[in-house]
PDB file of N, CA and C in Angstrom:
ATOM      1  N   MET A   1      28.525 -27.799 -14.576  1.00  0.00           N
ATOM      2  CA  MET A   1      27.410 -28.389 -13.803  1.00  0.00           C
ATOM      3  C   MET A   1      27.130 -27.383 -12.825  1.00  0.00           C
ATOM      4  N   MET A   2      28.179 -26.970 -12.076  1.00  0.00           N
ATOM      5  CA  MET A   2      27.931 -25.802 -10.939  1.00  0.00           C
ATOM      6  C   MET A   2      27.314 -24.634 -11.495  1.00  0.00           C
ATOM      7  N   ILE A   3      27.483 -24.154 -12.615  1.00  0.00           N
ATOM      8  CA  ILE A   3      26.920 -22.920 -13.205  1.00  0.00           C
ATOM      9  C   ILE A   3      25.512 -23.062 -13.222  1.00  0.00           C
ATOM     10  N   ARG A   4      25.147 -24.181 -13.926  1.00  0.00           N
ATOM     11  CA  ARG A   4      23.900 -24.618 -13.933  1.00  0.00           C
ATOM     12  C   ARG A   4      22.829 -24.375 -12.641  1.00  0.00           C
ATOM     13  N   GLU A   5      23.365 -25.085 -11.740  1.00  0.00           N
ATOM     14  CA  GLU A   5      22.701 -25.127 -10.357  1.00  0.00           C
ATOM     15  C   GLU A   5      22.641 -23.535  -9.938  1.00  0.00           C
ATOM     16  N   ILE A   6      23.675 -22.772 -10.070  1.00  0.00           N
ATOM     17  CA  ILE A   6      23.819 -21.264  -9.554  1.00  0.00           C
ATOM     18  C   ILE A   6      22.703 -20.684 -10.541  1.00  0.00           C
ATOM     19  N   CYS A   7      22.460 -20.886 -11.651  1.00  0.00           N
ATOM     20  CA  CYS A   7      21.355 -20.124 -12.522  1.00  0.00           C
ATOM     21  C   CYS A   7      20.200 -20.672 -11.752  1.00  0.00           C
ATOM     22  N   LYS A   8      19.851 -21.720 -11.631  1.00  0.00           N
ATOM     23  CA  LYS A   8      18.631 -22.363 -11.257  1.00  0.00           C
ATOM     24  C   LYS A   8      18.339 -21.394  -9.949  1.00  0.00           C
ATOM     25  N   LEU A   9      19.243 -21.477  -8.880  1.00  0.00           N
ATOM     26  CA  LEU A   9      19.058 -20.684  -7.812  1.00  0.00           C
ATOM     27  C   LEU A   9      18.834 -19.355  -7.930  1.00  0.00           C
ATOM     28  N   CYS A  10      19.427 -18.752  -8.810  1.00  0.00           N
ATOM     29  CA  CYS A  10      19.165 -17.358  -9.199  1.00  0.00           C
ATOM     30  C   CYS A  10      17.768 -17.152  -9.705  1.00  0.00           C
ATOM     31  N   VAL A  11      17.285 -17.936 -10.667  1.00  0.00           N
ATOM     32  CA  VAL A  11      15.733 -17.686 -11.214  1.00  0.00           C
ATOM     33  C   VAL A  11      14.902 -18.045 -10.043  1.00  0.00           C
ATOM     34  N   LEU A  12      15.123 -19.019  -9.193  1.00  0.00           N
ATOM     35  CA  LEU A  12      14.242 -19.365  -7.953  1.00  0.00           C
ATOM     36  C   LEU A  12      14.214 -18.077  -6.814  1.00  0.00           C
ATOM     37  N   LEU A  13      15.277 -17.738  -6.498  1.00  0.00           N
ATOM     38  CA  LEU A  13      15.244 -16.204  -5.755  1.00  0.00           C
ATOM     39  C   LEU A  13      14.448 -15.238  -6.497  1.00  0.00           C
ATOM     40  N   ALA A  14      14.632 -14.895  -7.623  1.00  0.00           N
ATOM     41  CA  ALA A  14      14.160 -13.828  -8.363  1.00  0.00           C
ATOM     42  C   ALA A  14      12.587 -14.126  -8.426  1.00  0.00           C
ATOM     43  N   PHE A  15      12.229 -15.338  -8.773  1.00  0.00           N
ATOM     44  CA  PHE A  15      10.714 -15.639  -8.650  1.00  0.00           C
ATOM     45  C   PHE A  15      10.185 -15.358  -7.193  1.00  0.00           C
ATOM     46  N   LEU A  16      10.769 -16.030  -6.297  1.00  0.00           N
ATOM     47  CA  LEU A  16      10.123 -15.869  -4.838  1.00  0.00           C
ATOM     48  C   LEU A  16      10.236 -14.359  -4.597  1.00  0.00           C
ATOM     49  N   GLY A  17      11.215 -13.409  -5.007  1.00  0.00           N
ATOM     50  CA  GLY A  17      10.992 -12.132  -4.594  1.00  0.00           C
ATOM     51  C   GLY A  17       9.807 -11.390  -5.131  1.00  0.00           C
ATOM     52  N   VAL A  18       9.604 -11.598  -6.426  1.00  0.00           N
ATOM     53  CA  VAL A  18       8.582 -10.862  -7.073  1.00  0.00           C
ATOM     54  C   VAL A  18       7.264 -11.461  -6.479  1.00  0.00           C
ATOM     55  N   ASN A  19       7.142 -12.914  -6.053  1.00  0.00           N
ATOM     56  CA  ASN A  19       5.785 -13.071  -5.445  1.00  0.00           C
ATOM     57  C   ASN A  19       5.463 -12.622  -4.228  1.00  0.00           C
ATOM     58  N   LEU A  20       6.643 -12.463  -3.136  1.00  0.00           N
ATOM     59  CA  LEU A  20       6.243 -11.893  -1.713  1.00  0.00           C
ATOM     60  C   LEU A  20       6.007 -10.548  -1.949  1.00  0.00           C
ATOM     61  N   THR A  21       6.486  -9.903  -2.900  1.00  0.00           N
ATOM     62  CA  THR A  21       6.209  -8.182  -2.891  1.00  0.00           C
ATOM     63  C   THR A  21       5.076  -7.911  -3.764  1.00  0.00           C
ATOM     64  N   SER A  22       4.382  -9.015  -4.653  1.00  0.00           N
ATOM     65  CA  SER A  22       3.524  -8.266  -5.846  1.00  0.00           C
ATOM     66  C   SER A  22       2.139  -8.001  -4.904  1.00  0.00           C
ATOM     67  N   ASN A  23       1.741  -8.849  -3.769  1.00  0.00           N
ATOM     68  CA  ASN A  23       0.552  -8.438  -3.138  1.00  0.00           C
ATOM     69  C   ASN A  23       0.789  -7.261  -2.076  1.00  0.00           C
ATOM     70  N   ALA A  24       1.937  -6.826  -1.971  1.00  0.00           N
ATOM     71  CA  ALA A  24       2.128  -5.945  -1.026  1.00  0.00           C
ATOM     72  C   ALA A  24       1.627  -4.380  -1.308  1.00  0.00           C
ATOM     73  N   GLN A  25       1.208  -3.842   0.054  1.00  0.00           N
ATOM     74  CA  GLN A  25       0.453  -2.448  -0.324  1.00  0.00           C
ATOM     75  C   GLN A  25       1.313  -1.616   0.144  1.00  0.00           C
ATOM     76  N   VAL A  26       2.354  -1.488  -0.789  1.00  0.00           N
ATOM     77  CA  VAL A  26       3.251  -0.281  -0.652  1.00  0.00           C
ATOM     78  C   VAL A  26       3.157   1.071  -1.094  1.00  0.00           C
ATOM     79  N   ILE A  27       3.090   1.998  -0.185  1.00  0.00           N
ATOM     80  CA  ILE A  27       2.639   3.390  -0.200  1.00  0.00           C
ATOM     81  C   ILE A  27       3.972   4.291  -0.238  1.00  0.00           C
ATOM     82  N   ASN A  28       3.926   5.277  -1.300  1.00  0.00           N
ATOM     83  CA  ASN A  28       4.901   6.440  -1.379  1.00  0.00           C
ATOM     84  C   ASN A  28       4.191   7.719  -1.291  1.00  0.00           C
ATOM     85  N   TYR A  29       4.494   8.240  -0.317  1.00  0.00           N
ATOM     86  CA  TYR A  29       3.681   9.698  -0.033  1.00  0.00           C
ATOM     87  C   TYR A  29       4.622  10.747  -0.987  1.00  0.00           C
ATOM     88  N   VAL A  30       3.846  11.618  -1.861  1.00  0.00           N
ATOM     89  CA  VAL A  30       4.209  12.532  -2.674  1.00  0.00           C
ATOM     90  C   VAL A  30       3.649  13.892  -2.279  1.00  0.00           C
ATOM     91  N   ASP A  31       4.113  14.889  -2.853  1.00  0.00           N
ATOM     92  CA  ASP A  31       3.711  16.345  -2.266  1.00  0.00           C
ATOM     93  C   ASP A  31       2.917  16.801  -3.571  1.00  0.00           C
ATOM     94  N   ALA A  32       3.444  16.516  -4.877  1.00  0.00           N
ATOM     95  CA  ALA A  32       2.920  17.243  -6.126  1.00  0.00           C
ATOM     96  C   ALA A  32       1.595  16.445  -6.601  1.00  0.00           C
ATOM     97  N   ARG A  33       0.668  17.369  -7.229  1.00  0.00           N
ATOM     98  CA  ARG A  33      -0.611  16.564  -7.676  1.00  0.00           C
ATOM     99  C   ARG A  33      -0.375  15.900  -8.653  1.00  0.00           C
ATOM    100  N   TYR A  34       0.564  16.370  -9.893  1.00  0.00           N
ATOM    101  CA  TYR A  34       0.936  15.445 -10.921  1.00  0.00           C
ATOM    102  C   TYR A  34       1.363  14.167 -10.684  1.00  0.00           C
ATOM    103  N   GLN A  35       2.071  14.176  -9.622  1.00  0.00           N
ATOM    104  CA  GLN A  35       2.733  12.650  -9.204  1.00  0.00           C
ATOM    105  C   GLN A  35       1.691  11.673  -8.586  1.00  0.00           C
ATOM    106  N   ALA A  36       0.662  12.109  -7.983  1.00  0.00           N
ATOM    107  CA  ALA A  36      -0.085  11.266  -7.342  1.00  0.00           C
ATOM    108  C   ALA A  36      -1.020  10.186  -8.407  1.00  0.00           C
ATOM    109  N   ASP A  37      -1.030   9.072  -7.837  1.00  0.00           N
ATOM    110  CA  ASP A  37      -2.011   8.115  -8.177  1.00  0.00           C
ATOM    111  C   ASP A  37      -3.468   8.258  -7.770  1.00  0.00           C
ATOM    112  N   VAL A  38      -3.267   8.610  -6.384  1.00  0.00           N
ATOM    113  CA  VAL A  38      -4.613   8.762  -5.547  1.00  0.00           C
ATOM    114  C   VAL A  38      -4.501   9.857  -4.628  1.00  0.00           C
ATOM    115  N   ASN A  39      -5.591  10.654  -4.295  1.00  0.00           N
ATOM    116  CA  ASN A  39      -5.618  11.718  -3.260  1.00  0.00           C
ATOM    117  C   ASN A  39      -6.309  11.105  -2.054  1.00  0.00           C
ATOM    118  N   VAL A  40      -5.773  11.196  -0.958  1.00  0.00           N
ATOM    119  CA  VAL A  40      -6.309  10.799   0.271  1.00  0.00           C
ATOM    120  C   VAL A  40      -6.468  11.969   1.413  1.00  0.00           C
ATOM    121  N   TYR A  41      -7.377  11.747   2.227  1.00  0.00           N
ATOM    122  CA  TYR A  41      -7.647  12.731   3.101  1.00  0.00           C
ATOM    123  C   TYR A  41      -7.935  11.651   4.720  1.00  0.00           C
ATOM    124  N   PHE A  42      -7.144  12.010   5.574  1.00  0.00           N
ATOM    125  CA  PHE A  42      -7.261  11.308   6.895  1.00  0.00           C
ATOM    126  C   PHE A  42      -8.259  11.972   7.852  1.00  0.00           C
ATOM    127  N   VAL A  43      -9.187  11.140   7.902  1.00  0.00           N
ATOM    128  CA  VAL A  43     -10.347  11.786   8.830  1.00  0.00           C
ATOM    129  C   VAL A  43     -10.326  11.483  10.431  1.00  0.00           C
ATOM    130  N   ASP A  44     -11.163  11.942  10.976  1.00  0.00           N
ATOM    131  CA  ASP A  44     -10.877  11.802  12.694  1.00  0.00           C
ATOM    132  C   ASP A  44     -11.545  10.436  13.294  1.00  0.00           C
ATOM    133  N   TRP A  45     -12.665   9.892  12.433  1.00  0.00           N
ATOM    134  CA  TRP A  45     -13.508   9.037  13.075  1.00  0.00           C
ATOM    135  C   TRP A  45     -13.641   8.056  12.060  1.00  0.00           C
ATOM    136  N   LYS A  46     -13.566   6.620  12.602  1.00  0.00           N
ATOM    137  CA  LYS A  46     -13.925   5.484  11.565  1.00  0.00           C
ATOM    138  C   LYS A  46     -15.091   5.349  10.898  1.00  0.00           C
ATOM    139  N   TYR A  47     -16.170   5.888  11.228  1.00  0.00           N
ATOM    140  CA  TYR A  47     -17.584   5.792  10.571  1.00  0.00           C
ATOM    141  C   TYR A  47     -17.386   6.884   9.341  1.00  0.00           C
ATOM    142  N   GLN A  48     -16.368   7.757   9.319  1.00  0.00           N
ATOM    143  CA  GLN A  48     -16.311   8.908   8.091  1.00  0.00           C
ATOM    144  C   GLN A  48     -15.609   8.178   7.128  1.00  0.00           C
ATOM    145  N   ALA A  49     -14.703   7.127   7.280  1.00  0.00           N
ATOM    146  CA  ALA A  49     -13.840   6.508   6.352  1.00  0.00           C
ATOM    147  C   ALA A  49     -14.522   5.613   5.355  1.00  0.00           C
ATOM    148  N   ASP A  50     -13.710   5.755   4.212  1.00  0.00           N
ATOM    149  CA  ASP A  50     -13.874   4.684   3.223  1.00  0.00           C
ATOM    150  C   ASP A  50     -13.203   3.414   3.479  1.00  0.00           C
ATOM    151  N   ALA A  51     -12.042   3.780   4.195  1.00  0.00           N
ATOM    152  CA  ALA A  51     -10.983   2.390   4.709  1.00  0.00           C
ATOM    153  C   ALA A  51     -10.385   2.691   5.781  1.00  0.00           C
ATOM    154  N   ILE A  52     -10.240   1.768   6.596  1.00  0.00           N
ATOM    155  CA  ILE A  52      -9.618   1.840   7.872  1.00  0.00           C
ATOM    156  C   ILE A  52      -8.213   1.183   7.547  1.00  0.00           C
ATOM    157  N   VAL A  53      -7.190   1.882   7.604  1.00  0.00           N
ATOM    158  CA  VAL A  53      -5.772   1.235   7.336  1.00  0.00           C
ATOM    159  C   VAL A  53      -4.910   1.270   8.332  1.00  0.00           C
ATOM    160  N   TYR A  54      -3.867   0.524   8.502  1.00  0.00           N
ATOM    161  CA  TYR A  54      -2.541   0.511   9.398  1.00  0.00           C
ATOM    162  C   TYR A  54      -1.312   0.494   8.770  1.00  0.00           C
ATOM    163  N   GLU A  55      -0.488   1.247   9.121  1.00  0.00           N
ATOM    164  CA  GLU A  55       0.752   1.504   8.816  1.00  0.00           C
ATOM    165  C   GLU A  55       1.899   0.537   9.299  1.00  0.00           C
ATOM    166  N   THR A  56       2.388  -0.361   8.800  1.00  0.00           N
ATOM    167  CA  THR A  56       3.262  -1.424   9.422  1.00  0.00           C
ATOM    168  C   THR A  56       4.630  -1.144   9.189  1.00  0.00           C
ATOM    169  N   PRO A  57       5.574  -1.424  10.110  1.00  0.00           N
ATOM    170  CA  PRO A  57       7.065  -1.326  10.038  1.00  0.00           C
ATOM    171  C   PRO A  57       7.610  -2.379   9.144  1.00  0.00           C
ATOM    172  N   TYR A  58       6.837  -3.452   8.903  1.00  0.00           N
ATOM    173  CA  TYR A  58       7.383  -4.633   8.127  1.00  0.00           C
ATOM    174  C   TYR A  58       6.618  -5.023   6.984  1.00  0.00           C
ATOM    175  N   ILE A  59       7.478  -5.003   5.938  1.00  0.00           N
ATOM    176  CA  ILE A  59       6.816  -5.202   4.480  1.00  0.00           C
ATOM    177  C   ILE A  59       6.115  -6.687   4.371  1.00  0.00           C
ATOM    178  N   SER A  60       6.517  -7.430   5.282  1.00  0.00           N
ATOM    179  CA  SER A  60       5.912  -9.174   5.352  1.00  0.00           C
ATOM    180  C   SER A  60       4.442  -9.148   5.705  1.00  0.00           C
ATOM    181  N   TYR A  61       4.073  -7.937   6.650  1.00  0.00           N
ATOM    182  CA  TYR A  61       2.807  -7.791   6.960  1.00  0.00           C
ATOM    183  C   TYR A  61       1.829  -7.105   5.991  1.00  0.00           C
ATOM    184  N   SER A  62       2.244  -6.440   5.053  1.00  0.00           N
ATOM    185  CA  SER A  62       1.685  -5.801   4.214  1.00  0.00           C
ATOM    186  C   SER A  62       0.897  -6.555   2.999  1.00  0.00           C
ATOM    187  N   ASN A  63       0.726  -7.854   3.103  1.00  0.00           N
ATOM    188  CA  ASN A  63       0.355  -8.370   1.906  1.00  0.00           C
ATOM    189  C   ASN A  63      -1.426  -8.565   2.062  1.00  0.00           C
ATOM    190  N   LYS A  64      -1.844  -8.086   2.825  1.00  0.00           N
ATOM    191  CA  LYS A  64      -3.354  -7.412   3.011  1.00  0.00           C
ATOM    192  C   LYS A  64      -3.871  -6.346   2.663  1.00  0.00           C
ATOM    193  N   ALA A  65      -4.815  -6.131   2.033  1.00  0.00           N
ATOM    194  CA  ALA A  65      -5.412  -4.912   1.418  1.00  0.00           C
ATOM    195  C   ALA A  65      -5.560  -4.052   2.701  1.00  0.00           C
ATOM    196  N   GLY A  66      -5.209  -2.769   2.892  1.00  0.00           N
ATOM    197  CA  GLY A  66      -5.462  -2.038   4.147  1.00  0.00           C
ATOM    198  C   GLY A  66      -4.337  -1.853   5.069  1.00  0.00           C
ATOM    199  N   VAL A  67      -3.427  -2.887   4.779  1.00  0.00           N
ATOM    200  CA  VAL A  67      -2.174  -2.773   5.772  1.00  0.00           C
ATOM    201  C   VAL A  67      -1.100  -1.958   4.714  1.00  0.00           C
ATOM    202  N   TRP A  68      -0.553  -1.041   5.039  1.00  0.00           N
ATOM    203  CA  TRP A  68       0.246  -0.085   4.342  1.00  0.00           C
ATOM    204  C   TRP A  68       1.881  -0.289   4.690  1.00  0.00           C
ATOM    205  N   TRP A  69       2.683  -0.446   3.941  1.00  0.00           N
ATOM    206  CA  TRP A  69       4.075  -0.267   4.185  1.00  0.00           C
ATOM    207  C   TRP A  69       4.548   1.117   3.516  1.00  0.00           C
ATOM    208  N   VAL A  70       5.409   1.857   4.098  1.00  0.00           N
ATOM    209  CA  VAL A  70       5.655   3.260   3.343  1.00  0.00           C
ATOM    210  C   VAL A  70       7.057   3.035   2.787  1.00  0.00           C
ATOM    211  N   SER A  71       7.201   3.473   1.827  1.00  0.00           N
ATOM    212  CA  SER A  71       8.562   3.655   1.186  1.00  0.00           C
ATOM    213  C   SER A  71       8.718   4.820   0.607  1.00  0.00           C
ATOM    214  N   ASP A  72       9.910   5.177   0.338  1.00  0.00           N
ATOM    215  CA  ASP A  72      10.224   6.615  -0.249  1.00  0.00           C
ATOM    216  C   ASP A  72      10.763   6.341  -1.836  1.00  0.00           C
ATOM    217  N   ARG A  73      10.710   5.258  -2.255  1.00  0.00           N
ATOM    218  CA  ARG A  73      11.227   4.957  -3.874  1.00  0.00           C
ATOM    219  C   ARG A  73      10.095   4.641  -4.758  1.00  0.00           C
ATOM    220  N   TYR A  74       9.156   3.552  -3.939  1.00  0.00           N
ATOM    221  CA  TYR A  74       8.557   2.918  -5.136  1.00  0.00           C
ATOM    222  C   TYR A  74       7.063   2.547  -4.375  1.00  0.00           C
ATOM    223  N   GLY A  75       6.157   2.217  -5.248  1.00  0.00           N
ATOM    224  CA  GLY A  75       4.719   1.837  -4.420  1.00  0.00           C
ATOM    225  C   GLY A  75       3.640   2.899  -5.271  1.00  0.00           C
ATOM    226  N   ILE A  76       2.381   2.546  -4.546  1.00  0.00           N
ATOM    227  CA  ILE A  76       1.297   3.412  -5.053  1.00  0.00           C
ATOM    228  C   ILE A  76       1.663   5.014  -4.654  1.00  0.00           C
ATOM    229  N   LYS A  77       1.549   5.914  -5.330  1.00  0.00           N
ATOM    230  CA  LYS A  77       1.956   7.236  -4.986  1.00  0.00           C
ATOM    231  C   LYS A  77       0.730   7.710  -4.440  1.00  0.00           C
ATOM    232  N   VAL A  78       0.654   8.426  -3.354  1.00  0.00           N
ATOM    233  CA  VAL A  78      -0.286   8.805  -2.675  1.00  0.00           C
ATOM    234  C   VAL A  78      -0.178  10.196  -2.048  1.00  0.00           C
ATOM    235  N   ARG A  79      -0.944  11.094  -2.317  1.00  0.00           N
ATOM    236  CA  ARG A  79      -0.766  12.688  -1.801  1.00  0.00           C
ATOM    237  C   ARG A  79      -1.780  12.972  -0.840  1.00  0.00           C
ATOM    238  N   VAL A  80      -1.462  13.322   0.189  1.00  0.00           N
ATOM    239  CA  VAL A  80      -2.662  13.761   1.410  1.00  0.00           C
ATOM    240  C   VAL A  80      -2.916  15.394   0.978  1.00  0.00           C
ATOM    241  N   VAL A  81      -4.228  15.223   0.872  1.00  0.00           N
ATOM    242  CA  VAL A  81      -4.991  16.662   0.501  1.00  0.00           C
ATOM    243  C   VAL A  81      -5.408  17.212   1.996  1.00  0.00           C
ATOM    244  N   LYS A  82      -5.386  18.637   1.776  1.00  0.00           N
ATOM    245  CA  LYS A  82      -5.933  19.517   2.797  1.00  0.00           C
ATOM    246  C   LYS A  82      -7.397  19.552   3.302  1.00  0.00           C
ATOM    247  N   TYR A  83      -8.097  19.338   2.019  1.00  0.00           N
ATOM    248  CA  TYR A  83      -9.587  19.261   2.111  1.00  0.00           C
ATOM    249  C   TYR A  83     -10.254  18.011   1.901  1.00  0.00           C
ATOM    250  N   ARG A  84     -11.300  17.987   2.477  1.00  0.00           N
ATOM    251  CA  ARG A  84     -12.059  16.396   2.166  1.00  0.00           C
ATOM    252  C   ARG A  84     -12.731  16.382   0.777  1.00  0.00           C
ATOM    253  N   TYR A  85     -13.115  17.272   0.262  1.00  0.00           N
ATOM    254  CA  TYR A  85     -13.752  17.394  -0.994  1.00  0.00           C
ATOM    255  C   TYR A  85     -12.614  17.114  -2.305  1.00  0.00           C
ATOM    256  N   GLN A  86     -11.380  17.441  -2.029  1.00  0.00           N
ATOM    257  CA  GLN A  86     -10.279  17.010  -2.798  1.00  0.00           C
ATOM    258  C   GLN A  86      -9.955  15.322  -2.744  1.00  0.00           C
ATOM    259  N   ALA A  87     -10.192  15.031  -2.013  1.00  0.00           N
ATOM    260  CA  ALA A  87      -9.792  13.252  -1.726  1.00  0.00           C
ATOM    261  C   ALA A  87     -10.555  12.397  -2.688  1.00  0.00           C
ATOM    262  N   ASP A  88      -9.976  11.375  -3.310  1.00  0.00           N
ATOM    263  CA  ASP A  88     -10.446  10.285  -4.104  1.00  0.00           C
ATOM    264  C   ASP A  88     -10.906   9.245  -2.952  1.00  0.00           C
ATOM    265  N   VAL A  89     -10.225   9.261  -1.775  1.00  0.00           N
ATOM    266  CA  VAL A  89     -10.456   7.976  -0.797  1.00  0.00           C
ATOM    267  C   VAL A  89     -10.305   8.840   0.598  1.00  0.00           C
ATOM    268  N   LEU A  90     -11.422   8.492   1.536  1.00  0.00           N
ATOM    269  CA  LEU A  90     -11.350   9.112   2.758  1.00  0.00           C
ATOM    270  C   LEU A  90     -10.673   7.887   3.756  1.00  0.00           C
ATOM    271  N   ILE A  91      -9.423   8.268   4.635  1.00  0.00           N
ATOM    272  CA  ILE A  91      -8.849   7.251   5.449  1.00  0.00           C
ATOM    273  C   ILE A  91      -8.801   7.518   6.669  1.00  0.00           C
ATOM    274  N   TYR A  92      -9.022   6.215   7.367  1.00  0.00           N
ATOM    275  CA  TYR A  92      -8.878   6.462   8.940  1.00  0.00           C
ATOM    276  C   TYR A  92      -7.808   5.579   9.177  1.00  0.00           C
ATOM    277  N   GLN A  93      -6.696   6.078   9.875  1.00  0.00           N
ATOM    278  CA  GLN A  93      -5.300   5.287  10.140  1.00  0.00           C
ATOM    279  C   GLN A  93      -5.615   4.592  11.707  1.00  0.00           C
ATOM    280  N   THR A  94      -5.541   3.339  12.033  1.00  0.00           N
ATOM    281  CA  THR A  94      -5.656   2.716  13.042  1.00  0.00           C
ATOM    282  C   THR A  94      -4.380   2.433  13.713  1.00  0.00           C
ATOM    283  N   LYS A  95      -4.423   2.059  15.026  1.00  0.00           N
ATOM    284  CA  LYS A  95      -3.103   1.532  15.661  1.00  0.00           C
ATOM    285  C   LYS A  95      -3.015   0.025  15.568  1.00  0.00           C
ATOM    286  N   TRP A  96      -4.177  -0.614  15.177  1.00  0.00           N
ATOM    287  CA  TRP A  96      -4.154  -2.085  15.411  1.00  0.00           C
ATOM    288  C   TRP A  96      -4.510  -2.650  14.112  1.00  0.00           C
ATOM    289  N   ARG A  97      -3.765  -3.864  13.797  1.00  0.00           N
ATOM    290  CA  ARG A  97      -3.844  -4.322  12.340  1.00  0.00           C
ATOM    291  C   ARG A  97      -5.326  -5.238  12.270  1.00  0.00           C
ATOM    292  N   TYR A  98      -5.709  -5.758  13.319  1.00  0.00           N
ATOM    293  CA  TYR A  98      -7.029  -6.403  13.134  1.00  0.00           C
ATOM    294  C   TYR A  98      -8.283  -5.503  12.865  1.00  0.00           C
ATOM    295  N   GLN A  99      -8.034  -4.245  12.999  1.00  0.00           N
ATOM    296  CA  GLN A  99      -9.142  -3.488  12.666  1.00  0.00           C
ATOM    297  C   GLN A  99      -9.146  -2.965  11.207  1.00  0.00           C
ATOM    298  N   VAL A 100      -8.227  -3.324  10.347  1.00  0.00           N
ATOM    299  CA  VAL A 100      -8.456  -3.035   9.140  1.00  0.00           C
ATOM    300  C   VAL A 100      -9.744  -3.412   8.359  1.00  0.00           C
ATOM    301  N   LYS A 101     -10.237  -2.369   7.525  1.00  0.00           N
ATOM    302  CA  LYS A 101     -11.440  -2.881   6.752  1.00  0.00           C
ATOM    303  C   LYS A 101     -11.287  -1.811   5.728  1.00  0.00           C
ATOM    304  N   VAL A 102     -11.630  -2.566   4.486  1.00  0.00           N
ATOM    305  CA  VAL A 102     -11.777  -1.494   3.047  1.00  0.00           C
ATOM    306  C   VAL A 102     -13.119  -1.784   2.186  1.00  0.00           C
ATOM    307  N   ASN A 103     -13.442  -0.822   1.500  1.00  0.00           N
ATOM    308  CA  ASN A 103     -14.688  -1.084   0.605  1.00  0.00           C
ATOM    309  C   ASN A 103     -14.091  -0.995  -0.740  1.00  0.00           C
ATOM    310  N   ASN A 104     -15.240  -1.019  -1.521  1.00  0.00           N
ATOM    311  CA  ASN A 104     -14.921  -1.109  -3.142  1.00  0.00           C
ATOM    312  C   ASN A 104     -14.225  -0.013  -3.647  1.00  0.00           C
ATOM    313  N   LEU A 105     -14.660   1.382  -3.109  1.00  0.00           N
ATOM    314  CA  LEU A 105     -13.863   2.478  -3.263  1.00  0.00           C
ATOM    315  C   LEU A 105     -12.390   2.501  -3.194  1.00  0.00           C
ATOM    316  N   TYR A 106     -11.851   2.090  -2.066  1.00  0.00           N
ATOM    317  CA  TYR A 106     -10.459   1.645  -1.516  1.00  0.00           C
ATOM    318  C   TYR A 106      -9.943   0.856  -2.764  1.00  0.00           C
ATOM    319  N   LYS A 107     -10.560  -0.372  -2.955  1.00  0.00           N
ATOM    320  CA  LYS A 107     -10.167  -1.327  -3.944  1.00  0.00           C
ATOM    321  C   LYS A 107      -9.934  -0.740  -5.386  1.00  0.00           C
ATOM    322  N   LYS A 108     -10.610   0.132  -5.732  1.00  0.00           N
ATOM    323  CA  LYS A 108     -10.548   0.723  -7.054  1.00  0.00           C
ATOM    324  C   LYS A 108      -9.162   1.519  -7.040  1.00  0.00           C
ATOM    325  N   TYR A 109      -8.761   1.971  -6.051  1.00  0.00           N
ATOM    326  CA  TYR A 109      -7.540   2.810  -6.307  1.00  0.00           C
ATOM    327  C   TYR A 109      -6.422   2.301  -5.872  1.00  0.00           C
ATOM    328  N   PHE A 110      -6.402   1.305  -4.750  1.00  0.00           N
ATOM    329  CA  PHE A 110      -5.126   0.698  -4.173  1.00  0.00           C
ATOM    330  C   PHE A 110      -5.031  -0.904  -4.669  1.00  0.00           C
ATOM    331  N   VAL A 111      -6.046  -1.662  -4.978  1.00  0.00           N
ATOM    332  CA  VAL A 111      -5.753  -3.163  -5.125  1.00  0.00           C
ATOM    333  C   VAL A 111      -5.828  -2.845  -6.816  1.00  0.00           C
ATOM    334  N   LYS A 112      -4.725  -3.772  -7.391  1.00  0.00           N
ATOM    335  CA  LYS A 112      -4.318  -3.743  -8.772  1.00  0.00           C
ATOM    336  C   LYS A 112      -4.640  -5.188  -8.940  1.00  0.00           C
TER     337      LYS A 112
END
């Protein structure tokens, strides 16, 4: 009887763990071109950007599109390029979470 309850608890915890992190915008910065899922260029002004993003220190905040949590092991592999014409998406990085805005081009590469 006790083993059955422990198994139910383990299944419940695994299910909740997958659901809590499945919508997260987890970003993994890479250096090589062949490793990257998307190439980004960080612009200086908001009006130049395809998306305005915020990097959060907490993974629980990253369930909204445009709020990034940076990981060194998993997530969408992002390569920062040197020139604007090499980028798939132009990004402006804000200091405030409420300023986050994304468009369809951003959603094409980052929202699965």
